[in-house]
Amino acid sequence: MLLDVWHRAFTKAEIFGIDISKKKLRERIAKKSRIHIIMGDERDSKFLDKVGKENGPFDLIVDDALHIPKPQKNAL
């Protein structure tokens, strides 16, 4: 749902969402242009490096995942 907010707020931006689990909302969001959903875990540094190399650099990163400092720090 948060990806919908970013999609409306930043009308020219490419939006990337990373999620560890499948959701029903995923199908609805994935059909919107400019929203890209990537399956993975923010605690996995190799995964994050790959995402950054394939899709970055990013202008803005919002972490709304685990709400635990160590994984958030790792993700950023």
PDB file of N, CA and C in Angstrom:
ATOM      1  N   MET A   1       0.822  -1.187   0.000  1.00  0.00           N
ATOM      2  CA  MET A   1       0.000   0.000   0.000  1.00  0.00           C
ATOM      3  C   MET A   1       0.868   1.254   0.000  1.00  0.00           C
ATOM      4  N   LEU A   2       1.985   1.225   0.716  1.00  0.00           N
ATOM      5  CA  LEU A   2       2.875   2.383   0.753  1.00  0.00           C
ATOM      6  C   LEU A   2       3.432   2.690  -0.643  1.00  0.00           C
ATOM      7  N   LEU A   3       3.639   1.669  -1.451  1.00  0.00           N
ATOM      8  CA  LEU A   3       4.129   1.896  -2.808  1.00  0.00           C
ATOM      9  C   LEU A   3       3.131   2.713  -3.627  1.00  0.00           C
ATOM     10  N   ASP A   4       1.850   2.510  -3.373  1.00  0.00           N
ATOM     11  CA  ASP A   4       0.816   3.314  -4.038  1.00  0.00           C
ATOM     12  C   ASP A   4       0.987   4.792  -3.702  1.00  0.00           C
ATOM     13  N   VAL A   5       1.308   5.093  -2.462  1.00  0.00           N
ATOM     14  CA  VAL A   5       1.496   6.476  -2.021  1.00  0.00           C
ATOM     15  C   VAL A   5       2.659   7.112  -2.767  1.00  0.00           C
ATOM     16  N   TRP A   6       3.788   6.412  -2.832  1.00  0.00           N
ATOM     17  CA  TRP A   6       4.961   6.941  -3.532  1.00  0.00           C
ATOM     18  C   TRP A   6       4.661   7.105  -5.026  1.00  0.00           C
ATOM     19  N   HIS A   7       3.912   6.176  -5.581  1.00  0.00           N
ATOM     20  CA  HIS A   7       3.540   6.236  -6.998  1.00  0.00           C
ATOM     21  C   HIS A   7       2.744   7.501  -7.299  1.00  0.00           C
ATOM     22  N   ARG A   8       1.835   7.850  -6.414  1.00  0.00           N
ATOM     23  CA  ARG A   8       1.024   9.066  -6.616  1.00  0.00           C
ATOM     24  C   ARG A   8       1.826  10.331  -6.322  1.00  0.00           C
ATOM     25  N   ALA A   9       2.700  10.279  -5.333  1.00  0.00           N
ATOM     26  CA  ALA A   9       3.455  11.471  -4.921  1.00  0.00           C
ATOM     27  C   ALA A   9       4.551  11.846  -5.917  1.00  0.00           C
ATOM     28  N   PHE A  10       5.223  10.849  -6.456  1.00  0.00           N
ATOM     29  CA  PHE A  10       6.344  11.077  -7.371  1.00  0.00           C
ATOM     30  C   PHE A  10       5.943  10.565  -8.750  1.00  0.00           C
ATOM     31  N   THR A  11       5.278  11.413  -9.504  1.00  0.00           N
ATOM     32  CA  THR A  11       4.634  10.991 -10.745  1.00  0.00           C
ATOM     33  C   THR A  11       5.579  10.618 -11.885  1.00  0.00           C
ATOM     34  N   LYS A  12       6.846  10.947 -11.759  1.00  0.00           N
ATOM     35  CA  LYS A  12       7.802  10.599 -12.814  1.00  0.00           C
ATOM     36  C   LYS A  12       8.861   9.606 -12.336  1.00  0.00           C
ATOM     37  N   ALA A  13       8.752   9.161 -11.095  1.00  0.00           N
ATOM     38  CA  ALA A  13       9.775   8.297 -10.500  1.00  0.00           C
ATOM     39  C   ALA A  13       9.541   6.824 -10.816  1.00  0.00           C
ATOM     40  N   GLU A  14      10.656   6.095 -10.900  1.00  0.00           N
ATOM     41  CA  GLU A  14      10.602   4.638 -10.922  1.00  0.00           C
ATOM     42  C   GLU A  14      10.623   4.204  -9.459  1.00  0.00           C
ATOM     43  N   ILE A  15       9.666   3.409  -9.031  1.00  0.00           N
ATOM     44  CA  ILE A  15       9.502   2.996  -7.641  1.00  0.00           C
ATOM     45  C   ILE A  15       9.890   1.526  -7.521  1.00  0.00           C
ATOM     46  N   PHE A  16      10.806   1.226  -6.617  1.00  0.00           N
ATOM     47  CA  PHE A  16      11.230  -0.153  -6.376  1.00  0.00           C
ATOM     48  C   PHE A  16      10.830  -0.552  -4.968  1.00  0.00           C
ATOM     49  N   GLY A  17      10.124  -1.655  -4.847  1.00  0.00           N
ATOM     50  CA  GLY A  17       9.753  -2.187  -3.540  1.00  0.00           C
ATOM     51  C   GLY A  17      10.399  -3.538  -3.355  1.00  0.00           C
ATOM     52  N   ILE A  18      10.988  -3.743  -2.186  1.00  0.00           N
ATOM     53  CA  ILE A  18      11.592  -5.038  -1.848  1.00  0.00           C
ATOM     54  C   ILE A  18      10.744  -5.655  -0.755  1.00  0.00           C
ATOM     55  N   ASP A  19      10.401  -6.925  -0.933  1.00  0.00           N
ATOM     56  CA  ASP A  19       9.590  -7.612   0.066  1.00  0.00           C
ATOM     57  C   ASP A  19      10.060  -9.052   0.172  1.00  0.00           C
ATOM     58  N   ILE A  20       9.984  -9.577   1.373  1.00  0.00           N
ATOM     59  CA  ILE A  20      10.411 -10.951   1.605  1.00  0.00           C
ATOM     60  C   ILE A  20       9.273 -11.947   1.375  1.00  0.00           C
ATOM     61  N   SER A  21       8.037 -11.469   1.393  1.00  0.00           N
ATOM     62  CA  SER A  21       6.903 -12.383   1.259  1.00  0.00           C
ATOM     63  C   SER A  21       5.963 -11.947   0.139  1.00  0.00           C
ATOM     64  N   LYS A  22       5.205 -12.894  -0.367  1.00  0.00           N
ATOM     65  CA  LYS A  22       4.214 -12.587  -1.384  1.00  0.00           C
ATOM     66  C   LYS A  22       2.976 -12.024  -0.692  1.00  0.00           C
ATOM     67  N   LYS A  23       2.330 -11.101  -1.354  1.00  0.00           N
ATOM     68  CA  LYS A  23       1.116 -10.497  -0.811  1.00  0.00           C
ATOM     69  C   LYS A  23       0.071 -10.406  -1.900  1.00  0.00           C
ATOM     70  N   LYS A  24      -1.192 -10.390  -1.510  1.00  0.00           N
ATOM     71  CA  LYS A  24      -2.259 -10.208  -2.497  1.00  0.00           C
ATOM     72  C   LYS A  24      -2.131  -8.854  -3.171  1.00  0.00           C
ATOM     73  N   LEU A  25      -1.701  -7.864  -2.424  1.00  0.00           N
ATOM     74  CA  LEU A  25      -1.556  -6.519  -2.957  1.00  0.00           C
ATOM     75  C   LEU A  25      -0.518  -6.474  -4.074  1.00  0.00           C
ATOM     76  N   ARG A  26       0.438  -7.366  -4.025  1.00  0.00           N
ATOM     77  CA  ARG A  26       1.534  -7.401  -4.991  1.00  0.00           C
ATOM     78  C   ARG A  26       1.016  -7.425  -6.425  1.00  0.00           C
ATOM     79  N   GLU A  27      -0.011  -8.232  -6.705  1.00  0.00           N
ATOM     80  CA  GLU A  27      -0.526  -8.325  -8.072  1.00  0.00           C
ATOM     81  C   GLU A  27      -1.098  -6.996  -8.545  1.00  0.00           C
ATOM     82  N   ARG A  28      -1.804  -6.296  -7.674  1.00  0.00           N
ATOM     83  CA  ARG A  28      -2.400  -5.012  -8.048  1.00  0.00           C
ATOM     84  C   ARG A  28      -1.329  -3.962  -8.278  1.00  0.00           C
ATOM     85  N   ILE A  29      -0.345  -3.908  -7.410  1.00  0.00           N
ATOM     86  CA  ILE A  29       0.720  -2.916  -7.530  1.00  0.00           C
ATOM     87  C   ILE A  29       1.600  -3.204  -8.738  1.00  0.00           C
ATOM     88  N   ALA A  30       1.911  -4.460  -8.966  1.00  0.00           N
ATOM     89  CA  ALA A  30       2.828  -4.821 -10.049  1.00  0.00           C
ATOM     90  C   ALA A  30       2.295  -4.417 -11.423  1.00  0.00           C
ATOM     91  N   LYS A  31       1.004  -4.245 -11.547  1.00  0.00           N
ATOM     92  CA  LYS A  31       0.422  -3.861 -12.825  1.00  0.00           C
ATOM     93  C   LYS A  31       0.572  -2.374 -13.109  1.00  0.00           C
ATOM     94  N   LYS A  32       0.931  -1.598 -12.111  1.00  0.00           N
ATOM     95  CA  LYS A  32       1.109  -0.165 -12.314  1.00  0.00           C
ATOM     96  C   LYS A  32       2.469   0.082 -12.952  1.00  0.00           C
ATOM     97  N   SER A  33       2.469   0.988 -13.933  1.00  0.00           N
ATOM     98  CA  SER A  33       3.749   1.327 -14.537  1.00  0.00           C
ATOM     99  C   SER A  33       4.605   2.049 -13.504  1.00  0.00           C
ATOM    100  N   ARG A  34       5.881   1.927 -13.632  1.00  0.00           N
ATOM    101  CA  ARG A  34       6.874   2.574 -12.786  1.00  0.00           C
ATOM    102  C   ARG A  34       7.046   1.909 -11.423  1.00  0.00           C
ATOM    103  N   ILE A  35       6.275   0.876 -11.078  1.00  0.00           N
ATOM    104  CA  ILE A  35       6.476   0.174  -9.809  1.00  0.00           C
ATOM    105  C   ILE A  35       7.098  -1.182 -10.116  1.00  0.00           C
ATOM    106  N   HIS A  36       8.222  -1.441  -9.470  1.00  0.00           N
ATOM    107  CA  HIS A  36       8.958  -2.694  -9.660  1.00  0.00           C
ATOM    108  C   HIS A  36       9.075  -3.378  -8.297  1.00  0.00           C
ATOM    109  N   ILE A  37       8.660  -4.631  -8.220  1.00  0.00           N
ATOM    110  CA  ILE A  37       8.715  -5.362  -6.957  1.00  0.00           C
ATOM    111  C   ILE A  37       9.776  -6.446  -7.057  1.00  0.00           C
ATOM    112  N   ILE A  38      10.645  -6.473  -6.062  1.00  0.00           N
ATOM    113  CA  ILE A  38      11.756  -7.420  -6.027  1.00  0.00           C
ATOM    114  C   ILE A  38      11.632  -8.251  -4.757  1.00  0.00           C
ATOM    115  N   MET A  39      11.682  -9.567  -4.905  1.00  0.00           N
ATOM    116  CA  MET A  39      11.618 -10.458  -3.744  1.00  0.00           C
ATOM    117  C   MET A  39      13.000 -10.587  -3.127  1.00  0.00           C
ATOM    118  N   GLY A  40      13.084 -10.381  -1.811  1.00  0.00           N
ATOM    119  CA  GLY A  40      14.357 -10.523  -1.131  1.00  0.00           C
ATOM    120  C   GLY A  40      14.275 -10.088   0.309  1.00  0.00           C
ATOM    121  N   ASP A  41      15.393 -10.187   0.998  1.00  0.00           N
ATOM    122  CA  ASP A  41      15.489  -9.906   2.423  1.00  0.00           C
ATOM    123  C   ASP A  41      16.514  -8.808   2.662  1.00  0.00           C
ATOM    124  N   GLU A  42      16.121  -7.743   3.352  1.00  0.00           N
ATOM    125  CA  GLU A  42      17.037  -6.633   3.600  1.00  0.00           C
ATOM    126  C   GLU A  42      18.211  -7.018   4.505  1.00  0.00           C
ATOM    127  N   ARG A  43      18.130  -8.171   5.154  1.00  0.00           N
ATOM    128  CA  ARG A  43      19.244  -8.626   5.995  1.00  0.00           C
ATOM    129  C   ARG A  43      20.341  -9.299   5.174  1.00  0.00           C
ATOM    130  N   ASP A  44      20.086  -9.524   3.896  1.00  0.00           N
ATOM    131  CA  ASP A  44      21.028 -10.197   2.996  1.00  0.00           C
ATOM    132  C   ASP A  44      21.834  -9.155   2.208  1.00  0.00           C
ATOM    133  N   SER A  45      23.058  -8.897   2.652  1.00  0.00           N
ATOM    134  CA  SER A  45      23.901  -7.870   2.030  1.00  0.00           C
ATOM    135  C   SER A  45      24.189  -8.153   0.566  1.00  0.00           C
ATOM    136  N   LYS A  46      24.406  -9.410   0.213  1.00  0.00           N
ATOM    137  CA  LYS A  46      24.681  -9.756  -1.189  1.00  0.00           C
ATOM    138  C   LYS A  46      23.472  -9.437  -2.068  1.00  0.00           C
ATOM    139  N   PHE A  47      22.287  -9.729  -1.563  1.00  0.00           N
ATOM    140  CA  PHE A  47      21.066  -9.421  -2.294  1.00  0.00           C
ATOM    141  C   PHE A  47      20.949  -7.905  -2.510  1.00  0.00           C
ATOM    142  N   LEU A  48      21.167  -7.128  -1.453  1.00  0.00           N
ATOM    143  CA  LEU A  48      21.063  -5.669  -1.563  1.00  0.00           C
ATOM    144  C   LEU A  48      22.100  -5.103  -2.521  1.00  0.00           C
ATOM    145  N   ASP A  49      23.309  -5.628  -2.485  1.00  0.00           N
ATOM    146  CA  ASP A  49      24.345  -5.186  -3.425  1.00  0.00           C
ATOM    147  C   ASP A  49      23.898  -5.427  -4.873  1.00  0.00           C
ATOM    148  N   LYS A  50      23.330  -6.593  -5.126  1.00  0.00           N
ATOM    149  CA  LYS A  50      22.852  -6.941  -6.461  1.00  0.00           C
ATOM    150  C   LYS A  50      21.739  -5.985  -6.902  1.00  0.00           C
ATOM    151  N   VAL A  51      20.797  -5.712  -6.006  1.00  0.00           N
ATOM    152  CA  VAL A  51      19.695  -4.790  -6.330  1.00  0.00           C
ATOM    153  C   VAL A  51      20.250  -3.410  -6.664  1.00  0.00           C
ATOM    154  N   GLY A  52      21.204  -2.932  -5.876  1.00  0.00           N
ATOM    155  CA  GLY A  52      21.799  -1.625  -6.115  1.00  0.00           C
ATOM    156  C   GLY A  52      22.537  -1.555  -7.431  1.00  0.00           C
ATOM    157  N   LYS A  53      23.297  -2.593  -7.743  1.00  0.00           N
ATOM    158  CA  LYS A  53      24.054  -2.609  -8.998  1.00  0.00           C
ATOM    159  C   LYS A  53      23.143  -2.699 -10.211  1.00  0.00           C
ATOM    160  N   GLU A  54      22.053  -3.450 -10.097  1.00  0.00           N
ATOM    161  CA  GLU A  54      21.154  -3.644 -11.238  1.00  0.00           C
ATOM    162  C   GLU A  54      20.160  -2.502 -11.420  1.00  0.00           C
ATOM    163  N   ASN A  55      19.834  -1.781 -10.341  1.00  0.00           N
ATOM    164  CA  ASN A  55      18.764  -0.792 -10.412  1.00  0.00           C
ATOM    165  C   ASN A  55      19.143   0.605  -9.956  1.00  0.00           C
ATOM    166  N   GLY A  56      20.264   0.760  -9.269  1.00  0.00           N
ATOM    167  CA  GLY A  56      20.660   2.051  -8.727  1.00  0.00           C
ATOM    168  C   GLY A  56      21.351   2.913  -9.750  1.00  0.00           C
ATOM    169  N   PRO A  57      21.821   4.066  -9.342  1.00  0.00           N
ATOM    170  CA  PRO A  57      21.725   4.598  -7.984  1.00  0.00           C
ATOM    171  C   PRO A  57      20.313   5.115  -7.695  1.00  0.00           C
ATOM    172  N   PHE A  58      19.979   5.175  -6.429  1.00  0.00           N
ATOM    173  CA  PHE A  58      18.664   5.614  -5.995  1.00  0.00           C
ATOM    174  C   PHE A  58      18.756   7.027  -5.426  1.00  0.00           C
ATOM    175  N   ASP A  59      17.729   7.822  -5.668  1.00  0.00           N
ATOM    176  CA  ASP A  59      17.672   9.184  -5.127  1.00  0.00           C
ATOM    177  C   ASP A  59      17.107   9.206  -3.714  1.00  0.00           C
ATOM    178  N   LEU A  60      16.248   8.259  -3.399  1.00  0.00           N
ATOM    179  CA  LEU A  60      15.598   8.215  -2.084  1.00  0.00           C
ATOM    180  C   LEU A  60      15.389   6.769  -1.692  1.00  0.00           C
ATOM    181  N   ILE A  61      15.723   6.440  -0.451  1.00  0.00           N
ATOM    182  CA  ILE A  61      15.478   5.091   0.070  1.00  0.00           C
ATOM    183  C   ILE A  61      14.644   5.238   1.333  1.00  0.00           C
ATOM    184  N   VAL A  62      13.516   4.529   1.375  1.00  0.00           N
ATOM    185  CA  VAL A  62      12.648   4.519   2.550  1.00  0.00           C
ATOM    186  C   VAL A  62      12.607   3.088   3.058  1.00  0.00           C
ATOM    187  N   ASP A  63      13.009   2.888   4.299  1.00  0.00           N
ATOM    188  CA  ASP A  63      12.986   1.553   4.894  1.00  0.00           C
ATOM    189  C   ASP A  63      11.795   1.477   5.839  1.00  0.00           C
ATOM    190  N   ASP A  64      10.815   0.680   5.461  1.00  0.00           N
ATOM    191  CA  ASP A  64       9.622   0.494   6.287  1.00  0.00           C
ATOM    192  C   ASP A  64       9.423  -1.005   6.497  1.00  0.00           C
ATOM    193  N   ALA A  65      10.501  -1.667   6.910  1.00  0.00           N
ATOM    194  CA  ALA A  65      10.458  -3.126   6.995  1.00  0.00           C
ATOM    195  C   ALA A  65      10.460  -3.612   8.440  1.00  0.00           C
ATOM    196  N   LEU A  66      11.607  -4.010   8.918  1.00  0.00           N
ATOM    197  CA  LEU A  66      11.689  -4.674  10.218  1.00  0.00           C
ATOM    198  C   LEU A  66      11.584  -3.737  11.424  1.00  0.00           C
ATOM    199  N   HIS A  67      11.879  -2.477  11.251  1.00  0.00           N
ATOM    200  CA  HIS A  67      11.869  -1.512  12.362  1.00  0.00           C
ATOM    201  C   HIS A  67      12.866  -1.908  13.460  1.00  0.00           C
ATOM    202  N   ILE A  68      13.973  -2.498  13.023  1.00  0.00           N
ATOM    203  CA  ILE A  68      15.059  -2.889  13.927  1.00  0.00           C
ATOM    204  C   ILE A  68      16.310  -2.207  13.392  1.00  0.00           C
ATOM    205  N   PRO A  69      17.053  -1.475  14.225  1.00  0.00           N
ATOM    206  CA  PRO A  69      18.179  -0.662  13.734  1.00  0.00           C
ATOM    207  C   PRO A  69      19.237  -1.408  12.916  1.00  0.00           C
ATOM    208  N   LYS A  70      19.684  -2.583  13.350  1.00  0.00           N
ATOM    209  CA  LYS A  70      20.785  -3.246  12.648  1.00  0.00           C
ATOM    210  C   LYS A  70      20.428  -3.588  11.191  1.00  0.00           C
ATOM    211  N   PRO A  71      19.293  -4.231  10.902  1.00  0.00           N
ATOM    212  CA  PRO A  71      18.969  -4.501   9.501  1.00  0.00           C
ATOM    213  C   PRO A  71      18.717  -3.229   8.694  1.00  0.00           C
ATOM    214  N   GLN A  72      18.143  -2.211   9.312  1.00  0.00           N
ATOM    215  CA  GLN A  72      17.913  -0.950   8.612  1.00  0.00           C
ATOM    216  C   GLN A  72      19.247  -0.313   8.232  1.00  0.00           C
ATOM    217  N   LYS A  73      20.188  -0.321   9.155  1.00  0.00           N
ATOM    218  CA  LYS A  73      21.514   0.226   8.891  1.00  0.00           C
ATOM    219  C   LYS A  73      22.193  -0.550   7.759  1.00  0.00           C
ATOM    220  N   ASN A  74      22.062  -1.861   7.791  1.00  0.00           N
ATOM    221  CA  ASN A  74      22.636  -2.713   6.744  1.00  0.00           C
ATOM    222  C   ASN A  74      22.020  -2.377   5.390  1.00  0.00           C
ATOM    223  N   ALA A  75      20.713  -2.187   5.354  1.00  0.00           N
ATOM    224  CA  ALA A  75      20.022  -1.903   4.102  1.00  0.00           C
ATOM    225  C   ALA A  75      20.488  -0.578   3.515  1.00  0.00           C
ATOM    226  N   LEU A  76      20.643   0.433   4.347  1.00  0.00           N
ATOM    227  CA  LEU A  76      21.081   1.736   3.849  1.00  0.00           C
ATOM    228  C   LEU A  76      22.545   1.728   3.500  1.00  0.00           C
TER     229      LEU A  76
END
